[in-house]
Amino acid sequence: MIIKMKEKMKKSIAFAGIFACCFTHGIDYKLALKDKKLVMFGAECAGISLKKDAGLSSEMGSSAESCPVDLKTRVKWLNTDTFMLVEKNKLNETSPPRVYIYQVISIVGNKVVLHDFWTGWNDYQDEKISYTIK
């Protein structure tokens, strides 16, 4: 009787392990978003570039044909669904670089939802922001 219970437990643990592996690591968002431009829903240019010219773009002074990166950054993936953007250019000798942290919530077609973790001064709330993949 005890041997049968041990066998059932082993099978249950093995099934749980397989289930966890398949569903927690199903999508490699890093691979899916590599070399992409994410434009905020409803905007023409404002968004995040994960291309070679990584950084943040605004709507100010931009047109749909020309969406330059306004704040140049480097991209560092922390895991398969979380990345950070670190400011490239030093503003002065005493200030640290600005850092932006994002976690991919979902990708459906060419729509992506990111959790934007607030890393700046003050006590602002984190946001979930929708983007179109370009």
N, C-alpha and C. Protein backbone atom coordinates (compact mmCIF):
# COMPACT_ATOMS: atom_id res chain seq x y z
N MET A 1 0.82 -1.19 0.00
CA MET A 1 0.00 0.00 0.00
C MET A 1 0.87 1.26 0.00
N ILE A 2 1.90 1.28 0.83
CA ILE A 2 2.78 2.44 0.93
C ILE A 2 3.56 2.61 -0.38
N ILE A 3 3.94 1.53 -1.01
CA ILE A 3 4.68 1.60 -2.27
C ILE A 3 3.82 2.23 -3.36
N LYS A 4 2.52 1.85 -3.41
CA LYS A 4 1.61 2.42 -4.41
C LYS A 4 1.43 3.91 -4.18
N MET A 5 1.35 4.34 -2.92
CA MET A 5 1.20 5.76 -2.62
C MET A 5 2.44 6.54 -3.04
N LYS A 6 3.62 5.95 -2.80
CA LYS A 6 4.86 6.61 -3.22
C LYS A 6 4.92 6.75 -4.73
N GLU A 7 4.49 5.70 -5.45
CA GLU A 7 4.48 5.76 -6.92
C GLU A 7 3.52 6.84 -7.41
N LYS A 8 2.35 6.96 -6.78
CA LYS A 8 1.38 7.99 -7.16
C LYS A 8 1.95 9.38 -6.89
N MET A 9 2.65 9.53 -5.75
CA MET A 9 3.25 10.83 -5.44
C MET A 9 4.32 11.19 -6.45
N LYS A 10 5.15 10.21 -6.82
CA LYS A 10 6.19 10.46 -7.81
C LYS A 10 5.59 10.89 -9.14
N LYS A 11 4.51 10.22 -9.56
CA LYS A 11 3.84 10.58 -10.82
C LYS A 11 3.25 11.98 -10.72
N SER A 12 2.64 12.29 -9.58
CA SER A 12 2.04 13.62 -9.39
C SER A 12 3.09 14.72 -9.44
N ILE A 13 4.22 14.47 -8.78
CA ILE A 13 5.30 15.46 -8.76
C ILE A 13 5.88 15.63 -10.16
N ALA A 14 6.07 14.54 -10.88
CA ALA A 14 6.58 14.62 -12.25
C ALA A 14 5.63 15.39 -13.14
N PHE A 15 4.32 15.12 -13.03
CA PHE A 15 3.33 15.83 -13.85
C PHE A 15 3.33 17.32 -13.51
N ALA A 16 3.40 17.65 -12.23
CA ALA A 16 3.44 19.06 -11.81
C ALA A 16 4.66 19.76 -12.38
N GLY A 17 5.80 19.08 -12.37
CA GLY A 17 7.03 19.66 -12.93
C GLY A 17 6.91 19.93 -14.42
N ILE A 18 6.38 18.97 -15.14
CA ILE A 18 6.18 19.14 -16.59
C ILE A 18 5.20 20.27 -16.86
N PHE A 19 4.12 20.31 -16.11
CA PHE A 19 3.10 21.35 -16.26
C PHE A 19 3.71 22.73 -16.02
N ALA A 20 4.49 22.87 -14.94
CA ALA A 20 5.10 24.15 -14.60
C ALA A 20 6.09 24.60 -15.67
N CYS A 21 6.90 23.69 -16.18
CA CYS A 21 7.88 24.04 -17.22
C CYS A 21 7.18 24.52 -18.48
N CYS A 22 6.16 23.83 -18.90
CA CYS A 22 5.49 24.16 -20.16
C CYS A 22 4.74 25.47 -20.10
N PHE A 23 4.14 25.79 -18.96
CA PHE A 23 3.28 26.96 -18.91
C PHE A 23 3.94 28.19 -18.33
N THR A 24 5.00 28.07 -17.58
CA THR A 24 5.64 29.27 -17.07
C THR A 24 6.72 29.79 -18.02
N HIS A 25 7.23 28.95 -18.89
CA HIS A 25 8.28 29.38 -19.81
C HIS A 25 7.85 29.16 -21.25
N GLY A 26 6.56 29.38 -21.55
CA GLY A 26 6.03 29.07 -22.86
C GLY A 26 6.52 29.99 -23.97
N ILE A 27 6.64 31.29 -23.69
CA ILE A 27 6.99 32.24 -24.74
C ILE A 27 8.28 32.96 -24.36
N ASP A 28 9.21 33.00 -25.28
CA ASP A 28 10.44 33.75 -25.09
C ASP A 28 10.21 35.14 -25.67
N TYR A 29 9.75 36.06 -24.82
CA TYR A 29 9.43 37.41 -25.28
C TYR A 29 10.67 38.14 -25.79
N LYS A 30 11.82 37.83 -25.24
CA LYS A 30 13.06 38.45 -25.70
C LYS A 30 13.25 38.18 -27.19
N LEU A 31 13.06 36.95 -27.59
CA LEU A 31 13.19 36.57 -29.00
C LEU A 31 12.09 37.20 -29.85
N ALA A 32 10.87 37.24 -29.32
CA ALA A 32 9.73 37.79 -30.06
C ALA A 32 9.86 39.30 -30.30
N LEU A 33 10.52 40.02 -29.40
CA LEU A 33 10.60 41.48 -29.51
C LEU A 33 11.96 41.99 -30.00
N LYS A 34 12.88 41.08 -30.26
CA LYS A 34 14.21 41.49 -30.72
C LYS A 34 14.10 42.29 -32.02
N ASP A 35 14.79 43.43 -32.06
CA ASP A 35 14.84 44.31 -33.24
C ASP A 35 13.47 44.86 -33.64
N LYS A 36 12.59 45.07 -32.67
CA LYS A 36 11.26 45.62 -32.94
C LYS A 36 11.14 47.03 -32.39
N LYS A 37 10.19 47.76 -32.93
CA LYS A 37 9.82 49.09 -32.45
C LYS A 37 8.41 48.95 -31.88
N LEU A 38 8.21 49.40 -30.65
CA LEU A 38 6.91 49.34 -30.00
C LEU A 38 6.35 50.76 -29.94
N VAL A 39 5.21 50.96 -30.60
CA VAL A 39 4.58 52.28 -30.65
C VAL A 39 3.36 52.26 -29.75
N MET A 40 3.26 53.25 -28.86
CA MET A 40 2.13 53.31 -27.93
C MET A 40 0.82 53.31 -28.69
N PHE A 41 -0.16 52.61 -28.16
CA PHE A 41 -1.48 52.54 -28.78
C PHE A 41 -2.04 53.94 -28.97
N GLY A 42 -2.42 54.27 -30.20
CA GLY A 42 -2.98 55.58 -30.51
C GLY A 42 -1.95 56.63 -30.90
N ALA A 43 -0.67 56.29 -30.89
CA ALA A 43 0.39 57.25 -31.24
C ALA A 43 0.96 56.93 -32.61
N GLU A 44 1.68 57.88 -33.17
CA GLU A 44 2.37 57.68 -34.43
C GLU A 44 3.83 57.27 -34.21
N CYS A 45 4.47 57.86 -33.20
CA CYS A 45 5.90 57.63 -32.96
C CYS A 45 6.24 57.25 -31.53
N ALA A 46 5.53 57.77 -30.56
CA ALA A 46 5.90 57.59 -29.16
C ALA A 46 5.98 56.11 -28.81
N GLY A 47 7.13 55.72 -28.25
CA GLY A 47 7.26 54.33 -27.87
C GLY A 47 8.69 53.94 -27.56
N ILE A 48 8.95 52.65 -27.72
CA ILE A 48 10.23 52.05 -27.35
C ILE A 48 10.85 51.37 -28.56
N SER A 49 12.11 51.67 -28.81
CA SER A 49 12.85 50.97 -29.86
C SER A 49 13.73 49.92 -29.20
N LEU A 50 13.58 48.68 -29.63
CA LEU A 50 14.44 47.59 -29.16
C LEU A 50 15.39 47.17 -30.28
N LYS A 51 15.55 48.08 -31.25
CA LYS A 51 16.45 47.84 -32.38
C LYS A 51 17.86 48.26 -32.00
N LYS A 52 18.74 48.30 -33.00
CA LYS A 52 20.12 48.71 -32.76
C LYS A 52 20.18 50.12 -32.18
N ASP A 53 19.27 51.00 -32.64
CA ASP A 53 19.19 52.37 -32.11
C ASP A 53 18.19 52.40 -30.95
N ALA A 54 18.41 51.60 -29.93
CA ALA A 54 17.48 51.44 -28.82
C ALA A 54 17.24 52.75 -28.09
N GLY A 55 16.02 52.89 -27.57
CA GLY A 55 15.70 54.07 -26.79
C GLY A 55 14.23 54.39 -26.81
N LEU A 56 13.93 55.59 -26.34
CA LEU A 56 12.56 56.07 -26.24
C LEU A 56 12.32 57.17 -27.27
N SER A 57 11.14 57.14 -27.89
CA SER A 57 10.75 58.16 -28.87
C SER A 57 9.52 58.89 -28.36
N SER A 58 9.40 60.14 -28.75
CA SER A 58 8.22 60.93 -28.37
C SER A 58 7.46 61.32 -29.63
N GLU A 59 6.32 61.96 -29.44
CA GLU A 59 5.53 62.47 -30.56
C GLU A 59 6.00 63.85 -31.00
N MET A 60 6.75 64.52 -30.15
CA MET A 60 7.16 65.90 -30.40
C MET A 60 8.06 66.01 -31.62
N GLY A 61 7.65 66.76 -32.62
CA GLY A 61 8.47 67.02 -33.78
C GLY A 61 8.71 65.82 -34.66
N SER A 62 7.87 64.81 -34.55
CA SER A 62 8.06 63.59 -35.34
C SER A 62 6.94 63.43 -36.34
N SER A 63 7.23 62.68 -37.38
CA SER A 63 6.20 62.31 -38.35
C SER A 63 6.21 60.79 -38.45
N ALA A 64 5.16 60.23 -39.01
CA ALA A 64 5.05 58.77 -39.11
C ALA A 64 6.21 58.16 -39.89
N GLU A 65 6.77 58.91 -40.85
CA GLU A 65 7.88 58.39 -41.65
C GLU A 65 9.20 58.46 -40.89
N SER A 66 9.32 59.46 -40.00
CA SER A 66 10.58 59.67 -39.29
C SER A 66 10.30 59.70 -37.79
N CYS A 67 10.61 58.63 -37.12
CA CYS A 67 10.40 58.55 -35.67
C CYS A 67 11.75 58.35 -34.99
N PRO A 68 12.50 59.45 -34.79
CA PRO A 68 13.83 59.30 -34.21
C PRO A 68 13.77 58.94 -32.73
N VAL A 69 14.81 58.28 -32.26
CA VAL A 69 14.95 57.99 -30.83
C VAL A 69 15.40 59.27 -30.14
N ASP A 70 14.62 59.71 -29.15
CA ASP A 70 14.94 60.95 -28.43
C ASP A 70 15.88 60.70 -27.25
N LEU A 71 15.73 59.56 -26.60
CA LEU A 71 16.58 59.21 -25.46
C LEU A 71 17.25 57.88 -25.78
N LYS A 72 18.53 57.94 -26.11
CA LYS A 72 19.26 56.72 -26.48
C LYS A 72 19.55 55.89 -25.24
N THR A 73 19.31 54.58 -25.38
CA THR A 73 19.52 53.66 -24.25
C THR A 73 20.18 52.38 -24.76
N ARG A 74 20.59 51.56 -23.82
CA ARG A 74 20.97 50.20 -24.14
C ARG A 74 19.92 49.30 -23.52
N VAL A 75 19.67 48.18 -24.14
CA VAL A 75 18.67 47.23 -23.66
C VAL A 75 19.38 46.10 -22.94
N LYS A 76 18.90 45.77 -21.75
CA LYS A 76 19.43 44.63 -21.01
C LYS A 76 18.24 43.78 -20.57
N TRP A 77 18.21 42.55 -21.09
CA TRP A 77 17.14 41.62 -20.71
C TRP A 77 17.52 40.97 -19.39
N LEU A 78 16.62 41.04 -18.42
CA LEU A 78 16.85 40.46 -17.10
C LEU A 78 16.45 38.99 -17.07
N ASN A 79 15.46 38.65 -17.88
CA ASN A 79 15.04 37.26 -18.10
C ASN A 79 14.22 37.25 -19.40
N THR A 80 13.48 36.21 -19.68
CA THR A 80 12.80 36.12 -20.97
C THR A 80 11.60 37.05 -21.10
N ASP A 81 11.14 37.66 -20.00
CA ASP A 81 9.99 38.56 -20.11
C ASP A 81 10.21 39.94 -19.48
N THR A 82 11.39 40.21 -18.95
CA THR A 82 11.65 41.50 -18.30
C THR A 82 12.93 42.10 -18.85
N PHE A 83 12.84 43.39 -19.23
CA PHE A 83 14.02 44.08 -19.74
C PHE A 83 14.10 45.47 -19.13
N MET A 84 15.30 46.03 -19.20
CA MET A 84 15.47 47.41 -18.76
C MET A 84 16.19 48.20 -19.83
N LEU A 85 15.89 49.47 -19.86
CA LEU A 85 16.56 50.42 -20.74
C LEU A 85 17.41 51.31 -19.84
N VAL A 86 18.69 51.45 -20.16
CA VAL A 86 19.61 52.27 -19.38
C VAL A 86 20.12 53.38 -20.28
N GLU A 87 19.96 54.61 -19.82
CA GLU A 87 20.39 55.77 -20.58
C GLU A 87 21.86 55.67 -20.97
N LYS A 88 22.16 55.96 -22.25
CA LYS A 88 23.54 55.86 -22.75
C LYS A 88 24.36 57.11 -22.48
N ASN A 89 23.79 58.27 -22.72
CA ASN A 89 24.55 59.52 -22.65
C ASN A 89 24.54 60.09 -21.23
N LYS A 90 25.72 60.44 -20.74
CA LYS A 90 25.86 61.03 -19.42
C LYS A 90 25.42 62.48 -19.46
N LEU A 91 24.47 62.85 -18.59
CA LEU A 91 24.03 64.25 -18.55
C LEU A 91 25.05 65.11 -17.80
N ASN A 92 25.63 64.55 -16.75
CA ASN A 92 26.68 65.24 -15.99
C ASN A 92 27.48 64.19 -15.23
N GLU A 93 28.46 64.61 -14.49
CA GLU A 93 29.35 63.67 -13.80
C GLU A 93 28.78 63.11 -12.50
N THR A 94 27.72 63.71 -11.97
CA THR A 94 27.22 63.26 -10.67
C THR A 94 25.91 62.48 -10.73
N SER A 95 25.15 62.63 -11.78
CA SER A 95 23.84 61.96 -11.86
C SER A 95 23.98 60.55 -12.43
N PRO A 96 23.25 59.60 -11.86
CA PRO A 96 23.27 58.25 -12.43
C PRO A 96 22.43 58.22 -13.70
N PRO A 97 22.57 57.19 -14.52
CA PRO A 97 21.73 57.09 -15.73
C PRO A 97 20.28 56.80 -15.36
N ARG A 98 19.37 57.28 -16.19
CA ARG A 98 17.96 56.93 -16.00
C ARG A 98 17.77 55.48 -16.41
N VAL A 99 16.92 54.78 -15.69
CA VAL A 99 16.66 53.37 -15.94
C VAL A 99 15.15 53.17 -16.03
N TYR A 100 14.73 52.39 -17.02
CA TYR A 100 13.32 52.07 -17.23
C TYR A 100 13.20 50.55 -17.25
N ILE A 101 12.27 50.01 -16.44
CA ILE A 101 12.10 48.56 -16.35
C ILE A 101 10.71 48.19 -16.84
N TYR A 102 10.68 47.19 -17.72
CA TYR A 102 9.43 46.73 -18.33
C TYR A 102 9.33 45.21 -18.22
N GLN A 103 8.10 44.74 -17.99
CA GLN A 103 7.83 43.30 -18.02
C GLN A 103 6.73 43.06 -19.04
N VAL A 104 6.95 42.11 -19.92
CA VAL A 104 5.97 41.79 -20.95
C VAL A 104 4.83 41.01 -20.29
N ILE A 105 3.63 41.54 -20.42
CA ILE A 105 2.43 40.87 -19.88
C ILE A 105 1.88 39.91 -20.93
N SER A 106 1.77 40.40 -22.18
CA SER A 106 1.23 39.54 -23.24
C SER A 106 1.61 40.08 -24.61
N ILE A 107 1.62 39.17 -25.56
CA ILE A 107 1.73 39.51 -26.97
C ILE A 107 0.63 38.73 -27.68
N VAL A 108 -0.23 39.48 -28.39
CA VAL A 108 -1.28 38.86 -29.20
C VAL A 108 -1.24 39.53 -30.56
N GLY A 109 -0.83 38.77 -31.57
CA GLY A 109 -0.66 39.35 -32.90
C GLY A 109 0.43 40.40 -32.86
N ASN A 110 0.08 41.62 -33.29
CA ASN A 110 1.08 42.70 -33.25
C ASN A 110 0.83 43.66 -32.08
N LYS A 111 0.08 43.21 -31.09
CA LYS A 111 -0.20 44.01 -29.88
C LYS A 111 0.57 43.43 -28.71
N VAL A 112 1.22 44.31 -27.95
CA VAL A 112 1.97 43.88 -26.77
C VAL A 112 1.56 44.77 -25.59
N VAL A 113 1.42 44.18 -24.43
CA VAL A 113 1.12 44.92 -23.21
C VAL A 113 2.33 44.78 -22.29
N LEU A 114 2.85 45.94 -21.84
CA LEU A 114 4.01 45.96 -20.95
C LEU A 114 3.61 46.52 -19.59
N HIS A 115 4.19 45.96 -18.54
CA HIS A 115 4.09 46.53 -17.20
C HIS A 115 5.29 47.46 -17.06
N ASP A 116 5.03 48.75 -16.92
CA ASP A 116 6.07 49.76 -16.79
C ASP A 116 6.28 50.03 -15.30
N PHE A 117 7.43 49.58 -14.77
CA PHE A 117 7.73 49.78 -13.35
C PHE A 117 8.28 51.19 -13.16
N TRP A 118 7.67 51.97 -12.28
CA TRP A 118 8.14 53.33 -12.03
C TRP A 118 9.46 53.28 -11.28
N THR A 119 10.50 53.92 -11.84
CA THR A 119 11.83 53.92 -11.21
C THR A 119 12.34 55.32 -10.91
N GLY A 120 11.49 56.31 -11.14
CA GLY A 120 11.93 57.70 -10.96
C GLY A 120 11.67 58.23 -9.57
N TRP A 121 11.87 59.53 -9.43
CA TRP A 121 11.61 60.20 -8.16
C TRP A 121 10.11 60.23 -7.93
N ASN A 122 9.73 60.57 -6.74
CA ASN A 122 8.32 60.66 -6.31
C ASN A 122 7.71 59.26 -6.19
N ASP A 123 6.44 59.22 -5.94
CA ASP A 123 5.77 57.95 -5.63
C ASP A 123 4.67 57.67 -6.64
N TYR A 124 5.02 57.61 -7.91
CA TYR A 124 4.04 57.33 -8.94
C TYR A 124 3.74 55.84 -9.02
N GLN A 125 2.59 55.51 -9.57
CA GLN A 125 2.18 54.12 -9.70
C GLN A 125 2.78 53.49 -10.95
N ASP A 126 2.98 52.18 -10.90
CA ASP A 126 3.36 51.44 -12.11
C ASP A 126 2.18 51.50 -13.08
N GLU A 127 2.45 51.25 -14.36
CA GLU A 127 1.40 51.29 -15.37
C GLU A 127 1.47 50.06 -16.27
N LYS A 128 0.34 49.71 -16.84
CA LYS A 128 0.29 48.73 -17.92
C LYS A 128 -0.02 49.52 -19.17
N ILE A 129 0.86 49.41 -20.17
CA ILE A 129 0.75 50.22 -21.39
C ILE A 129 0.69 49.30 -22.59
N SER A 130 -0.22 49.59 -23.51
CA SER A 130 -0.38 48.80 -24.74
C SER A 130 0.39 49.44 -25.88
N TYR A 131 1.04 48.59 -26.68
CA TYR A 131 1.84 49.02 -27.81
C TYR A 131 1.48 48.20 -29.04
N THR A 132 1.80 48.76 -30.20
CA THR A 132 1.72 48.04 -31.47
C THR A 132 3.14 47.74 -31.89
N ILE A 133 3.38 46.50 -32.30
CA ILE A 133 4.72 46.09 -32.75
C ILE A 133 4.90 46.51 -34.20
N LYS A 134 5.96 47.25 -34.48
CA LYS A 134 6.25 47.69 -35.86
C LYS A 134 7.51 46.99 -36.36
